[in-house]
PDB file of N, CA and C in Angstrom:
ATOM      1  N   MET A   1       0.839  -1.180   0.000  1.00  0.00           N
ATOM      2  CA  MET A   1       0.000   0.000   0.000  1.00  0.00           C
ATOM      3  C   MET A   1       0.885   1.244   0.000  1.00  0.00           C
ATOM      4  N   ASN A   2       0.542   2.194  -0.803  1.00  0.00           N
ATOM      5  CA  ASN A   2       1.338   3.408  -0.931  1.00  0.00           C
ATOM      6  C   ASN A   2       0.794   4.478   0.032  1.00  0.00           C
ATOM      7  N   THR A   3       1.499   4.679   1.141  1.00  0.00           N
ATOM      8  CA  THR A   3       1.017   5.624   2.162  1.00  0.00           C
ATOM      9  C   THR A   3       1.217   7.076   1.741  1.00  0.00           C
ATOM     10  N   SER A   4       2.204   7.333   0.914  1.00  0.00           N
ATOM     11  CA  SER A   4       2.434   8.711   0.491  1.00  0.00           C
ATOM     12  C   SER A   4       1.268   9.213  -0.358  1.00  0.00           C
ATOM     13  N   THR A   5       0.648   8.363  -1.145  1.00  0.00           N
ATOM     14  CA  THR A   5      -0.508   8.754  -1.951  1.00  0.00           C
ATOM     15  C   THR A   5      -1.691   9.061  -1.054  1.00  0.00           C
ATOM     16  N   MET A   6      -1.907   8.242  -0.014  1.00  0.00           N
ATOM     17  CA  MET A   6      -3.014   8.477   0.906  1.00  0.00           C
ATOM     18  C   MET A   6      -2.811   9.782   1.667  1.00  0.00           C
ATOM     19  N   THR A   7      -1.603  10.027   2.101  1.00  0.00           N
ATOM     20  CA  THR A   7      -1.300  11.240   2.851  1.00  0.00           C
ATOM     21  C   THR A   7      -1.461  12.467   1.970  1.00  0.00           C
ATOM     22  N   ALA A   8      -1.003  12.383   0.735  1.00  0.00           N
ATOM     23  CA  ALA A   8      -1.119  13.511  -0.184  1.00  0.00           C
ATOM     24  C   ALA A   8      -2.587  13.819  -0.456  1.00  0.00           C
ATOM     25  N   GLY A   9      -3.403  12.766  -0.641  1.00  0.00           N
ATOM     26  CA  GLY A   9      -4.832  12.983  -0.865  1.00  0.00           C
ATOM     27  C   GLY A   9      -5.492  13.633   0.330  1.00  0.00           C
ATOM     28  N   ARG A  10      -5.094  13.190   1.507  1.00  0.00           N
ATOM     29  CA  ARG A  10      -5.679  13.755   2.717  1.00  0.00           C
ATOM     30  C   ARG A  10      -5.245  15.207   2.893  1.00  0.00           C
ATOM     31  N   THR A  11      -4.013  15.525   2.584  1.00  0.00           N
ATOM     32  CA  THR A  11      -3.514  16.897   2.687  1.00  0.00           C
ATOM     33  C   THR A  11      -4.303  17.811   1.759  1.00  0.00           C
ATOM     34  N   VAL A  12      -4.590  17.349   0.557  1.00  0.00           N
ATOM     35  CA  VAL A  12      -5.371  18.139  -0.394  1.00  0.00           C
ATOM     36  C   VAL A  12      -6.771  18.378   0.148  1.00  0.00           C
ATOM     37  N   GLN A  13      -7.377  17.353   0.768  1.00  0.00           N
ATOM     38  CA  GLN A  13      -8.717  17.510   1.335  1.00  0.00           C
ATOM     39  C   GLN A  13      -8.710  18.509   2.482  1.00  0.00           C
ATOM     40  N   VAL A  14      -7.713  18.422   3.350  1.00  0.00           N
ATOM     41  CA  VAL A  14      -7.612  19.353   4.478  1.00  0.00           C
ATOM     42  C   VAL A  14      -7.429  20.774   3.962  1.00  0.00           C
ATOM     43  N   GLN A  15      -6.601  20.941   2.953  1.00  0.00           N
ATOM     44  CA  GLN A  15      -6.391  22.273   2.383  1.00  0.00           C
ATOM     45  C   GLN A  15      -7.677  22.809   1.770  1.00  0.00           C
ATOM     46  N   ALA A  16      -8.454  21.941   1.125  1.00  0.00           N
ATOM     47  CA  ALA A  16      -9.713  22.366   0.514  1.00  0.00           C
ATOM     48  C   ALA A  16     -10.705  22.796   1.596  1.00  0.00           C
ATOM     49  N   VAL A  17     -10.778  22.021   2.684  1.00  0.00           N
ATOM     50  CA  VAL A  17     -11.680  22.369   3.789  1.00  0.00           C
ATOM     51  C   VAL A  17     -11.244  23.687   4.417  1.00  0.00           C
ATOM     52  N   THR A  18      -9.942  23.860   4.602  1.00  0.00           N
ATOM     53  CA  THR A  18      -9.420  25.095   5.182  1.00  0.00           C
ATOM     54  C   THR A  18      -9.738  26.290   4.278  1.00  0.00           C
ATOM     55  N   ALA A  19      -9.584  26.114   2.981  1.00  0.00           N
ATOM     56  CA  ALA A  19      -9.889  27.198   2.041  1.00  0.00           C
ATOM     57  C   ALA A  19     -11.383  27.525   2.076  1.00  0.00           C
ATOM     58  N   ASP A  20     -12.240  26.509   2.150  1.00  0.00           N
ATOM     59  CA  ASP A  20     -13.690  26.747   2.238  1.00  0.00           C
ATOM     60  C   ASP A  20     -14.036  27.495   3.519  1.00  0.00           C
ATOM     61  N   ALA A  21     -13.404  27.092   4.619  1.00  0.00           N
ATOM     62  CA  ALA A  21     -13.661  27.760   5.900  1.00  0.00           C
ATOM     63  C   ALA A  21     -13.215  29.218   5.839  1.00  0.00           C
ATOM     64  N   ARG A  22     -12.087  29.472   5.200  1.00  0.00           N
ATOM     65  CA  ARG A  22     -11.582  30.830   5.076  1.00  0.00           C
ATOM     66  C   ARG A  22     -12.536  31.690   4.233  1.00  0.00           C
ATOM     67  N   GLN A  23     -13.049  31.110   3.149  1.00  0.00           N
ATOM     68  CA  GLN A  23     -14.000  31.839   2.302  1.00  0.00           C
ATOM     69  C   GLN A  23     -15.285  32.137   3.063  1.00  0.00           C
ATOM     70  N   LEU A  24     -15.760  31.173   3.830  1.00  0.00           N
ATOM     71  CA  LEU A  24     -16.964  31.379   4.629  1.00  0.00           C
ATOM     72  C   LEU A  24     -16.735  32.479   5.659  1.00  0.00           C
ATOM     73  N   SER A  25     -15.586  32.425   6.302  1.00  0.00           N
ATOM     74  CA  SER A  25     -15.245  33.454   7.288  1.00  0.00           C
ATOM     75  C   SER A  25     -15.187  34.836   6.644  1.00  0.00           C
ATOM     76  N   ASP A  26     -14.613  34.921   5.461  1.00  0.00           N
ATOM     77  CA  ASP A  26     -14.541  36.198   4.745  1.00  0.00           C
ATOM     78  C   ASP A  26     -15.934  36.706   4.389  1.00  0.00           C
ATOM     79  N   ARG A  27     -16.811  35.818   3.939  1.00  0.00           N
ATOM     80  CA  ARG A  27     -18.182  36.236   3.590  1.00  0.00           C
ATOM     81  C   ARG A  27     -18.928  36.726   4.818  1.00  0.00           C
ATOM     82  N   ILE A  28     -18.759  36.032   5.928  1.00  0.00           N
ATOM     83  CA  ILE A  28     -19.423  36.452   7.168  1.00  0.00           C
ATOM     84  C   ILE A  28     -18.896  37.805   7.614  1.00  0.00           C
ATOM     85  N   ALA A  29     -17.595  38.000   7.525  1.00  0.00           N
ATOM     86  CA  ALA A  29     -17.000  39.279   7.919  1.00  0.00           C
ATOM     87  C   ALA A  29     -17.516  40.411   7.038  1.00  0.00           C
ATOM     88  N   ARG A  30     -17.635  40.171   5.743  1.00  0.00           N
ATOM     89  CA  ARG A  30     -18.145  41.211   4.841  1.00  0.00           C
ATOM     90  C   ARG A  30     -19.601  41.555   5.162  1.00  0.00           C
ATOM     91  N   ARG A  31     -20.403  40.520   5.419  1.00  0.00           N
ATOM     92  CA  ARG A  31     -21.821  40.771   5.747  1.00  0.00           C
ATOM     93  C   ARG A  31     -21.941  41.547   7.054  1.00  0.00           C
ATOM     94  N   ALA A  32     -21.129  41.189   8.028  1.00  0.00           N
ATOM     95  CA  ALA A  32     -21.160  41.899   9.306  1.00  0.00           C
ATOM     96  C   ALA A  32     -20.735  43.355   9.113  1.00  0.00           C
ATOM     97  N   ALA A  33     -19.723  43.578   8.308  1.00  0.00           N
ATOM     98  CA  ALA A  33     -19.268  44.944   8.046  1.00  0.00           C
ATOM     99  C   ALA A  33     -20.353  45.757   7.343  1.00  0.00           C
ATOM    100  N   HIS A  34     -21.029  45.157   6.393  1.00  0.00           N
ATOM    101  CA  HIS A  34     -22.108  45.870   5.686  1.00  0.00           C
ATOM    102  C   HIS A  34     -23.261  46.179   6.636  1.00  0.00           C
ATOM    103  N   ALA A  35     -23.579  45.246   7.513  1.00  0.00           N
ATOM    104  CA  ALA A  35     -24.659  45.473   8.480  1.00  0.00           C
ATOM    105  C   ALA A  35     -24.288  46.601   9.432  1.00  0.00           C
ATOM    106  N   LEU A  36     -23.045  46.627   9.895  1.00  0.00           N
ATOM    107  CA  LEU A  36     -22.604  47.701  10.782  1.00  0.00           C
ATOM    108  C   LEU A  36     -22.609  49.049  10.072  1.00  0.00           C
ATOM    109  N   LEU A  37     -22.202  49.068   8.836  1.00  0.00           N
ATOM    110  CA  LEU A  37     -22.205  50.306   8.066  1.00  0.00           C
ATOM    111  C   LEU A  37     -23.625  50.822   7.870  1.00  0.00           C
ATOM    112  N   ALA A  38     -24.553  49.938   7.545  1.00  0.00           N
ATOM    113  CA  ALA A  38     -25.956  50.344   7.380  1.00  0.00           C
ATOM    114  C   ALA A  38     -26.516  50.871   8.694  1.00  0.00           C
ATOM    115  N   TRP A  39     -26.199  50.193   9.796  1.00  0.00           N
ATOM    116  CA  TRP A  39     -26.664  50.639  11.109  1.00  0.00           C
ATOM    117  C   TRP A  39     -26.096  52.023  11.425  1.00  0.00           C
ATOM    118  N   SER A  40     -24.822  52.223  11.152  1.00  0.00           N
ATOM    119  CA  SER A  40     -24.180  53.509  11.415  1.00  0.00           C
ATOM    120  C   SER A  40     -24.827  54.619  10.593  1.00  0.00           C
ATOM    121  N   ARG A  41     -25.130  54.338   9.343  1.00  0.00           N
ATOM    122  CA  ARG A  41     -25.772  55.351   8.494  1.00  0.00           C
ATOM    123  C   ARG A  41     -27.168  55.693   8.993  1.00  0.00           C
ATOM    124  N   ARG A  42     -27.913  54.677   9.468  1.00  0.00           N
ATOM    125  CA  ARG A  42     -29.247  54.950  10.029  1.00  0.00           C
ATOM    126  C   ARG A  42     -29.136  55.814  11.282  1.00  0.00           C
ATOM    127  N   ARG A  43     -28.146  55.526  12.125  1.00  0.00           N
ATOM    128  CA  ARG A  43     -27.953  56.326  13.343  1.00  0.00           C
ATOM    129  C   ARG A  43     -27.578  57.761  12.977  1.00  0.00           C
ATOM    130  N   ASP A  44     -26.741  57.941  11.977  1.00  0.00           N
ATOM    131  CA  ASP A  44     -26.375  59.290  11.538  1.00  0.00           C
ATOM    132  C   ASP A  44     -27.596  60.037  11.019  1.00  0.00           C
ATOM    133  N   ALA A  45     -28.459  59.345  10.303  1.00  0.00           N
ATOM    134  CA  ALA A  45     -29.670  59.982   9.782  1.00  0.00           C
ATOM    135  C   ALA A  45     -30.576  60.426  10.925  1.00  0.00           C
ATOM    136  N   GLN A  46     -30.577  59.679  12.005  1.00  0.00           N
ATOM    137  CA  GLN A  46     -31.403  60.040  13.151  1.00  0.00           C
ATOM    138  C   GLN A  46     -30.835  61.244  13.891  1.00  0.00           C
ATOM    139  N   ARG A  47     -29.576  61.533  13.699  1.00  0.00           N
ATOM    140  CA  ARG A  47     -28.923  62.638  14.395  1.00  0.00           C
ATOM    141  C   ARG A  47     -28.964  63.952  13.609  1.00  0.00           C
ATOM    142  N   THR A  48     -29.716  64.008  12.554  1.00  0.00           N
ATOM    143  CA  THR A  48     -29.782  65.248  11.793  1.00  0.00           C
ATOM    144  C   THR A  48     -30.382  66.346  12.667  1.00  0.00           C
ATOM    145  N   HIS A  49     -30.162  67.577  12.281  1.00  0.00           N
ATOM    146  CA  HIS A  49     -30.618  68.713  13.087  1.00  0.00           C
ATOM    147  C   HIS A  49     -32.131  68.698  13.270  1.00  0.00           C
ATOM    148  N   SER A  50     -32.864  68.454  12.203  1.00  0.00           N
ATOM    149  CA  SER A  50     -34.320  68.485  12.311  1.00  0.00           C
ATOM    150  C   SER A  50     -34.828  67.348  13.198  1.00  0.00           C
ATOM    151  N   ALA A  51     -34.216  66.174  13.087  1.00  0.00           N
ATOM    152  CA  ALA A  51     -34.638  65.047  13.921  1.00  0.00           C
ATOM    153  C   ALA A  51     -34.326  65.318  15.391  1.00  0.00           C
ATOM    154  N   THR A  52     -33.172  65.908  15.649  1.00  0.00           N
ATOM    155  CA  THR A  52     -32.795  66.246  17.024  1.00  0.00           C
ATOM    156  C   THR A  52     -33.737  67.299  17.590  1.00  0.00           C
ATOM    157  N   ALA A  53     -34.059  68.311  16.788  1.00  0.00           N
ATOM    158  CA  ALA A  53     -34.973  69.362  17.247  1.00  0.00           C
ATOM    159  C   ALA A  53     -36.364  68.788  17.513  1.00  0.00           C
ATOM    160  N   GLU A  54     -36.829  67.931  16.642  1.00  0.00           N
ATOM    161  CA  GLU A  54     -38.150  67.328  16.832  1.00  0.00           C
ATOM    162  C   GLU A  54     -38.173  66.451  18.087  1.00  0.00           C
ATOM    163  N   ARG A  55     -37.110  65.692  18.302  1.00  0.00           N
ATOM    164  CA  ARG A  55     -37.038  64.834  19.492  1.00  0.00           C
ATOM    165  C   ARG A  55     -37.036  65.692  20.760  1.00  0.00           C
ATOM    166  N   ARG A  56     -36.291  66.782  20.743  1.00  0.00           N
ATOM    167  CA  ARG A  56     -36.242  67.686  21.895  1.00  0.00           C
ATOM    168  C   ARG A  56     -37.618  68.287  22.153  1.00  0.00           C
ATOM    169  N   TRP A  57     -38.306  68.728  21.083  1.00  0.00           N
ATOM    170  CA  TRP A  57     -39.638  69.315  21.237  1.00  0.00           C
ATOM    171  C   TRP A  57     -40.599  68.288  21.830  1.00  0.00           C
ATOM    172  N   ASN A  58     -40.544  67.048  21.347  1.00  0.00           N
ATOM    173  CA  ASN A  58     -41.412  65.983  21.870  1.00  0.00           C
ATOM    174  C   ASN A  58     -41.136  65.702  23.344  1.00  0.00           C
ATOM    175  N   GLU A  59     -39.872  65.708  23.727  1.00  0.00           N
ATOM    176  CA  GLU A  59     -39.529  65.478  25.126  1.00  0.00           C
ATOM    177  C   GLU A  59     -40.057  66.603  26.007  1.00  0.00           C
ATOM    178  N   GLN A  60     -39.944  67.841  25.534  1.00  0.00           N
ATOM    179  CA  GLN A  60     -40.453  68.981  26.302  1.00  0.00           C
ATOM    180  C   GLN A  60     -41.975  68.930  26.410  1.00  0.00           C
ATOM    181  N   ALA A  61     -42.642  68.572  25.324  1.00  0.00           N
ATOM    182  CA  ALA A  61     -44.104  68.473  25.348  1.00  0.00           C
ATOM    183  C   ALA A  61     -44.535  67.371  26.317  1.00  0.00           C
ATOM    184  N   ALA A  62     -43.842  66.262  26.320  1.00  0.00           N
ATOM    185  CA  ALA A  62     -44.169  65.169  27.239  1.00  0.00           C
ATOM    186  C   ALA A  62     -43.952  65.600  28.684  1.00  0.00           C
ATOM    187  N   ALA A  63     -42.880  66.333  28.943  1.00  0.00           N
ATOM    188  CA  ALA A  63     -42.620  66.817  30.307  1.00  0.00           C
ATOM    189  C   ALA A  63     -43.713  67.795  30.748  1.00  0.00           C
ATOM    190  N   ARG A  64     -44.160  68.681  29.838  1.00  0.00           N
ATOM    191  CA  ARG A  64     -45.250  69.621  30.183  1.00  0.00           C
ATOM    192  C   ARG A  64     -46.533  68.859  30.487  1.00  0.00           C
ATOM    193  N   LEU A  65     -46.872  67.890  29.658  1.00  0.00           N
ATOM    194  CA  LEU A  65     -48.082  67.095  29.894  1.00  0.00           C
ATOM    195  C   LEU A  65     -48.005  66.331  31.215  1.00  0.00           C
ATOM    196  N   GLN A  66     -46.842  65.801  31.520  1.00  0.00           N
ATOM    197  CA  GLN A  66     -46.676  65.066  32.769  1.00  0.00           C
ATOM    198  C   GLN A  66     -46.828  66.016  33.960  1.00  0.00           C
ATOM    199  N   ALA A  67     -46.260  67.202  33.883  1.00  0.00           N
ATOM    200  CA  ALA A  67     -46.384  68.178  34.965  1.00  0.00           C
ATOM    201  C   ALA A  67     -47.836  68.623  35.124  1.00  0.00           C
ATOM    202  N   ASP A  68     -48.535  68.863  34.021  1.00  0.00           N
ATOM    203  CA  ASP A  68     -49.953  69.252  34.094  1.00  0.00           C
ATOM    204  C   ASP A  68     -50.789  68.146  34.724  1.00  0.00           C
ATOM    205  N   GLU A  69     -50.528  66.916  34.349  1.00  0.00           N
ATOM    206  CA  GLU A  69     -51.277  65.796  34.917  1.00  0.00           C
ATOM    207  C   GLU A  69     -50.993  65.648  36.406  1.00  0.00           C
ATOM    208  N   PHE A  70     -49.742  65.836  36.795  1.00  0.00           N
ATOM    209  CA  PHE A  70     -49.391  65.773  38.216  1.00  0.00           C
ATOM    210  C   PHE A  70     -50.113  66.870  38.993  1.00  0.00           C
ATOM    211  N   ARG A  71     -50.128  68.092  38.431  1.00  0.00           N
ATOM    212  CA  ARG A  71     -50.846  69.209  39.073  1.00  0.00           C
ATOM    213  C   ARG A  71     -52.335  68.897  39.200  1.00  0.00           C
ATOM    214  N   ARG A  72     -52.931  68.369  38.160  1.00  0.00           N
ATOM    215  CA  ARG A  72     -54.361  68.059  38.171  1.00  0.00           C
ATOM    216  C   ARG A  72     -54.689  67.027  39.245  1.00  0.00           C
ATOM    217  N   ILE A  73     -53.874  65.980  39.321  1.00  0.00           N
ATOM    218  CA  ILE A  73     -54.124  64.941  40.326  1.00  0.00           C
ATOM    219  C   ILE A  73     -53.904  65.500  41.740  1.00  0.00           C
ATOM    220  N   THR A  74     -52.895  66.353  41.898  1.00  0.00           N
ATOM    221  CA  THR A  74     -52.631  66.948  43.202  1.00  0.00           C
ATOM    222  C   THR A  74     -53.803  67.820  43.630  1.00  0.00           C
ATOM    223  N   LEU A  75     -54.345  68.621  42.715  1.00  0.00           N
ATOM    224  CA  LEU A  75     -55.476  69.493  43.056  1.00  0.00           C
ATOM    225  C   LEU A  75     -56.715  68.675  43.385  1.00  0.00           C
ATOM    226  N   MET A  76     -56.909  67.564  42.693  1.00  0.00           N
ATOM    227  CA  MET A  76     -58.065  66.712  42.975  1.00  0.00           C
ATOM    228  C   MET A  76     -57.923  66.039  44.334  1.00  0.00           C
ATOM    229  N   ALA A  77     -56.712  65.741  44.764  1.00  0.00           N
ATOM    230  CA  ALA A  77     -56.485  65.015  46.012  1.00  0.00           C
ATOM    231  C   ALA A  77     -56.453  65.931  47.218  1.00  0.00           C
ATOM    232  N   GLN A  78     -56.311  67.257  47.050  1.00  0.00           N
ATOM    233  CA  GLN A  78     -56.218  68.179  48.187  1.00  0.00           C
ATOM    234  C   GLN A  78     -57.422  68.093  49.130  1.00  0.00           C
ATOM    235  N   PRO A  79     -58.662  68.039  48.654  1.00  0.00           N
ATOM    236  CA  PRO A  79     -59.772  67.963  49.606  1.00  0.00           C
ATOM    237  C   PRO A  79     -59.714  66.689  50.458  1.00  0.00           C
ATOM    238  N   LEU A  80     -59.050  65.674  49.995  1.00  0.00           N
ATOM    239  CA  LEU A  80     -58.959  64.428  50.743  1.00  0.00           C
ATOM    240  C   LEU A  80     -57.979  64.514  51.896  1.00  0.00           C
ATOM    241  N   ILE A  81     -57.085  65.491  51.846  1.00  0.00           N
ATOM    242  CA  ILE A  81     -56.024  65.596  52.872  1.00  0.00           C
ATOM    243  C   ILE A  81     -56.533  66.265  54.114  1.00  0.00           C
TER     244      ILE A  81
END
């Protein structure tokens, strides 16, 4: 039996598997990079001046509504005290 032929065949198979694994790893890395880039661009779009101003206005409006509701409940509860 020729062992050098068996070993050479096995080496070729291992190299092929290693090359396939490397290609898969490269594809996964590229997809992850593209996903991160898309996420970063979406976050940048959310940080535009108009979006920031609108978010600030909404937060202020919510705080005013919360304060008004607190005042209303406090005034309703005063006769109970």
